[in-house]
N, C-alpha and C. Protein backbone atom coordinates (compact mmCIF):
# COMPACT_ATOMS: atom_id res chain seq x y z
N MET A 1 -12.26 22.67 1.66
CA MET A 1 -12.93 22.31 2.89
C MET A 1 -12.93 20.78 3.02
N GLN A 2 -12.61 20.31 4.17
CA GLN A 2 -12.52 18.87 4.41
C GLN A 2 -13.91 18.24 4.39
N GLN A 3 -14.07 17.17 3.65
CA GLN A 3 -15.37 16.50 3.50
C GLN A 3 -15.50 15.25 4.35
N LYS A 4 -14.39 14.80 4.93
CA LYS A 4 -14.41 13.57 5.71
C LYS A 4 -13.85 13.80 7.11
N LEU A 5 -14.39 13.05 8.03
CA LEU A 5 -13.90 13.05 9.40
C LEU A 5 -13.48 11.63 9.72
N PHE A 6 -12.29 11.47 10.25
CA PHE A 6 -11.80 10.15 10.61
C PHE A 6 -11.82 10.03 12.13
N VAL A 7 -12.41 8.94 12.61
CA VAL A 7 -12.49 8.67 14.04
C VAL A 7 -11.75 7.36 14.29
N GLU A 8 -10.72 7.44 15.12
CA GLU A 8 -9.94 6.25 15.46
C GLU A 8 -10.29 5.81 16.87
N THR A 9 -10.58 4.53 17.01
CA THR A 9 -10.89 3.99 18.33
C THR A 9 -9.92 2.85 18.66
N ASN A 10 -9.71 2.65 19.92
CA ASN A 10 -8.91 1.54 20.40
C ASN A 10 -9.74 0.87 21.49
N THR A 11 -10.18 -0.34 21.24
CA THR A 11 -11.12 -0.97 22.16
C THR A 11 -10.76 -2.43 22.41
N ILE A 12 -11.20 -2.91 23.56
CA ILE A 12 -11.06 -4.33 23.85
C ILE A 12 -12.38 -5.06 23.63
N VAL A 13 -13.45 -4.28 23.36
CA VAL A 13 -14.78 -4.84 23.16
C VAL A 13 -15.05 -4.96 21.66
N VAL A 14 -15.31 -6.17 21.21
CA VAL A 14 -15.67 -6.41 19.81
C VAL A 14 -17.19 -6.27 19.69
N GLY A 15 -17.64 -5.52 18.69
CA GLY A 15 -19.08 -5.41 18.48
C GLY A 15 -19.49 -4.07 17.97
N LYS A 16 -20.78 -3.82 18.08
CA LYS A 16 -21.39 -2.61 17.54
C LYS A 16 -21.12 -1.41 18.43
N ALA A 17 -21.03 -0.26 17.78
CA ALA A 17 -20.92 1.02 18.47
C ALA A 17 -21.78 2.02 17.70
N THR A 18 -22.28 3.00 18.40
CA THR A 18 -23.07 4.04 17.77
C THR A 18 -22.30 5.34 17.84
N LEU A 19 -22.20 6.02 16.71
CA LEU A 19 -21.55 7.32 16.64
C LEU A 19 -22.63 8.34 16.33
N ILE A 20 -22.76 9.34 17.20
CA ILE A 20 -23.78 10.36 17.07
C ILE A 20 -23.09 11.72 16.97
N ILE A 21 -23.54 12.55 16.03
CA ILE A 21 -23.05 13.92 15.91
C ILE A 21 -24.17 14.85 16.33
N LEU A 22 -23.87 15.71 17.30
CA LEU A 22 -24.82 16.68 17.82
C LEU A 22 -24.31 18.09 17.57
N ASP A 23 -25.22 19.03 17.30
CA ASP A 23 -24.78 20.42 17.17
C ASP A 23 -24.62 21.00 18.58
N VAL A 24 -24.24 22.26 18.65
CA VAL A 24 -23.94 22.88 19.95
C VAL A 24 -25.19 22.99 20.83
N LEU A 25 -26.38 22.92 20.22
CA LEU A 25 -27.63 22.97 20.98
C LEU A 25 -28.12 21.59 21.41
N GLY A 26 -27.37 20.55 21.01
CA GLY A 26 -27.74 19.20 21.37
C GLY A 26 -28.66 18.52 20.36
N LYS A 27 -28.89 19.16 19.23
CA LYS A 27 -29.75 18.58 18.19
C LYS A 27 -28.99 17.51 17.42
N LEU A 28 -29.64 16.37 17.19
CA LEU A 28 -29.05 15.28 16.43
C LEU A 28 -28.85 15.70 14.98
N VAL A 29 -27.60 15.61 14.52
CA VAL A 29 -27.25 15.99 13.14
C VAL A 29 -27.03 14.76 12.29
N ALA A 30 -26.39 13.75 12.86
CA ALA A 30 -26.12 12.52 12.12
C ALA A 30 -25.92 11.38 13.11
N GLN A 31 -26.17 10.17 12.63
CA GLN A 31 -25.98 8.99 13.46
C GLN A 31 -25.52 7.86 12.57
N SER A 32 -24.58 7.07 13.07
CA SER A 32 -24.04 5.97 12.28
C SER A 32 -23.77 4.78 13.19
N LEU A 33 -24.04 3.60 12.68
CA LEU A 33 -23.74 2.37 13.39
C LEU A 33 -22.39 1.86 12.90
N LEU A 34 -21.49 1.61 13.83
CA LEU A 34 -20.14 1.16 13.51
C LEU A 34 -19.92 -0.24 14.05
N TYR A 35 -18.95 -0.93 13.52
CA TYR A 35 -18.55 -2.22 14.06
C TYR A 35 -17.07 -2.14 14.42
N ASN A 36 -16.76 -2.41 15.67
CA ASN A 36 -15.38 -2.37 16.14
C ASN A 36 -14.81 -3.77 16.31
N ASN A 37 -13.59 -3.94 15.88
CA ASN A 37 -12.81 -5.13 16.18
C ASN A 37 -11.93 -4.82 17.38
N GLU A 38 -11.38 -5.82 18.01
CA GLU A 38 -10.46 -5.59 19.12
C GLU A 38 -9.23 -4.87 18.60
N GLY A 39 -8.77 -3.85 19.34
CA GLY A 39 -7.59 -3.08 18.94
C GLY A 39 -7.98 -1.78 18.27
N ASN A 40 -7.13 -1.32 17.35
CA ASN A 40 -7.36 -0.05 16.68
C ASN A 40 -8.36 -0.20 15.54
N ASN A 41 -9.25 0.78 15.43
CA ASN A 41 -10.25 0.83 14.38
C ASN A 41 -10.28 2.24 13.82
N LEU A 42 -10.39 2.37 12.52
CA LEU A 42 -10.47 3.67 11.87
C LEU A 42 -11.78 3.75 11.10
N HIS A 43 -12.60 4.74 11.47
CA HIS A 43 -13.90 4.93 10.83
C HIS A 43 -13.88 6.26 10.06
N GLU A 44 -14.42 6.24 8.87
CA GLU A 44 -14.45 7.41 8.00
C GLU A 44 -15.91 7.87 7.86
N LEU A 45 -16.14 9.15 8.14
CA LEU A 45 -17.49 9.71 8.06
C LEU A 45 -17.51 10.87 7.08
N PHE A 46 -18.55 10.94 6.28
CA PHE A 46 -18.74 12.07 5.37
C PHE A 46 -19.40 13.20 6.15
N VAL A 47 -18.76 14.37 6.17
CA VAL A 47 -19.30 15.52 6.90
C VAL A 47 -19.46 16.73 5.99
N GLY A 48 -19.52 16.51 4.69
CA GLY A 48 -19.64 17.61 3.74
C GLY A 48 -20.91 18.42 3.90
N ASP A 49 -21.95 17.82 4.49
CA ASP A 49 -23.22 18.53 4.67
C ASP A 49 -23.26 19.39 5.93
N LEU A 50 -22.26 19.24 6.80
CA LEU A 50 -22.26 20.01 8.04
C LEU A 50 -21.86 21.46 7.79
N LYS A 51 -22.63 22.37 8.34
CA LYS A 51 -22.30 23.79 8.25
C LYS A 51 -21.17 24.10 9.22
N PRO A 52 -20.42 25.17 8.99
CA PRO A 52 -19.37 25.55 9.94
C PRO A 52 -19.97 25.76 11.34
N GLY A 53 -19.24 25.28 12.34
CA GLY A 53 -19.70 25.43 13.71
C GLY A 53 -19.07 24.40 14.62
N VAL A 54 -19.59 24.33 15.84
CA VAL A 54 -19.09 23.42 16.86
C VAL A 54 -20.04 22.22 16.93
N TYR A 55 -19.46 21.05 16.98
CA TYR A 55 -20.23 19.81 17.07
C TYR A 55 -19.64 18.91 18.14
N PHE A 56 -20.46 18.03 18.65
CA PHE A 56 -20.01 17.04 19.63
C PHE A 56 -20.26 15.65 19.05
N ILE A 57 -19.26 14.82 19.16
CA ILE A 57 -19.36 13.44 18.69
C ILE A 57 -19.44 12.54 19.91
N GLU A 58 -20.50 11.75 19.97
CA GLU A 58 -20.66 10.77 21.04
C GLU A 58 -20.42 9.39 20.45
N LEU A 59 -19.55 8.65 21.07
CA LEU A 59 -19.26 7.28 20.66
C LEU A 59 -19.70 6.37 21.79
N LYS A 60 -20.72 5.54 21.52
CA LYS A 60 -21.30 4.68 22.54
C LYS A 60 -21.06 3.22 22.18
N ASN A 61 -20.56 2.47 23.16
CA ASN A 61 -20.44 1.02 23.01
C ASN A 61 -20.56 0.39 24.40
N GLU A 62 -20.27 -0.89 24.50
CA GLU A 62 -20.42 -1.58 25.78
C GLU A 62 -19.46 -1.06 26.85
N GLU A 63 -18.37 -0.41 26.44
CA GLU A 63 -17.42 0.16 27.39
C GLU A 63 -17.95 1.44 28.02
N GLY A 64 -18.90 2.09 27.37
CA GLY A 64 -19.44 3.34 27.87
C GLY A 64 -19.60 4.36 26.76
N VAL A 65 -19.54 5.64 27.14
CA VAL A 65 -19.74 6.74 26.20
C VAL A 65 -18.54 7.66 26.26
N GLN A 66 -18.05 8.06 25.08
CA GLN A 66 -16.99 9.05 24.99
C GLN A 66 -17.53 10.21 24.16
N VAL A 67 -17.19 11.44 24.55
CA VAL A 67 -17.65 12.62 23.85
C VAL A 67 -16.44 13.44 23.41
N PHE A 68 -16.48 13.87 22.15
CA PHE A 68 -15.40 14.67 21.57
C PHE A 68 -15.99 15.93 20.96
N LYS A 69 -15.27 17.02 21.11
CA LYS A 69 -15.67 18.29 20.51
C LYS A 69 -14.94 18.46 19.18
N VAL A 70 -15.71 18.86 18.15
CA VAL A 70 -15.15 19.04 16.81
C VAL A 70 -15.59 20.42 16.31
N ILE A 71 -14.65 21.14 15.69
CA ILE A 71 -14.98 22.45 15.11
C ILE A 71 -14.88 22.32 13.60
N ARG A 72 -15.98 22.62 12.93
CA ARG A 72 -16.01 22.60 11.44
C ARG A 72 -15.84 24.02 10.98
N GLU A 73 -14.81 24.25 10.18
CA GLU A 73 -14.52 25.61 9.69
C GLU A 73 -15.08 25.81 8.30
């Protein structure tokens, strides 16, 4: 079972970003503060504690909010 989740971002905004993991009911499961440089950024998250199911990842920064659906098997 995969223990890590990699999130790649490409941004023109340098600075802090918040990554939030929500379960399918919208309950906060995890939250992490990230720092993005201009261009491509690769962030590694430990997800070994997540039970199998559907999750939503929200990535918030000055550019706005992006939401991604993730399925943990």
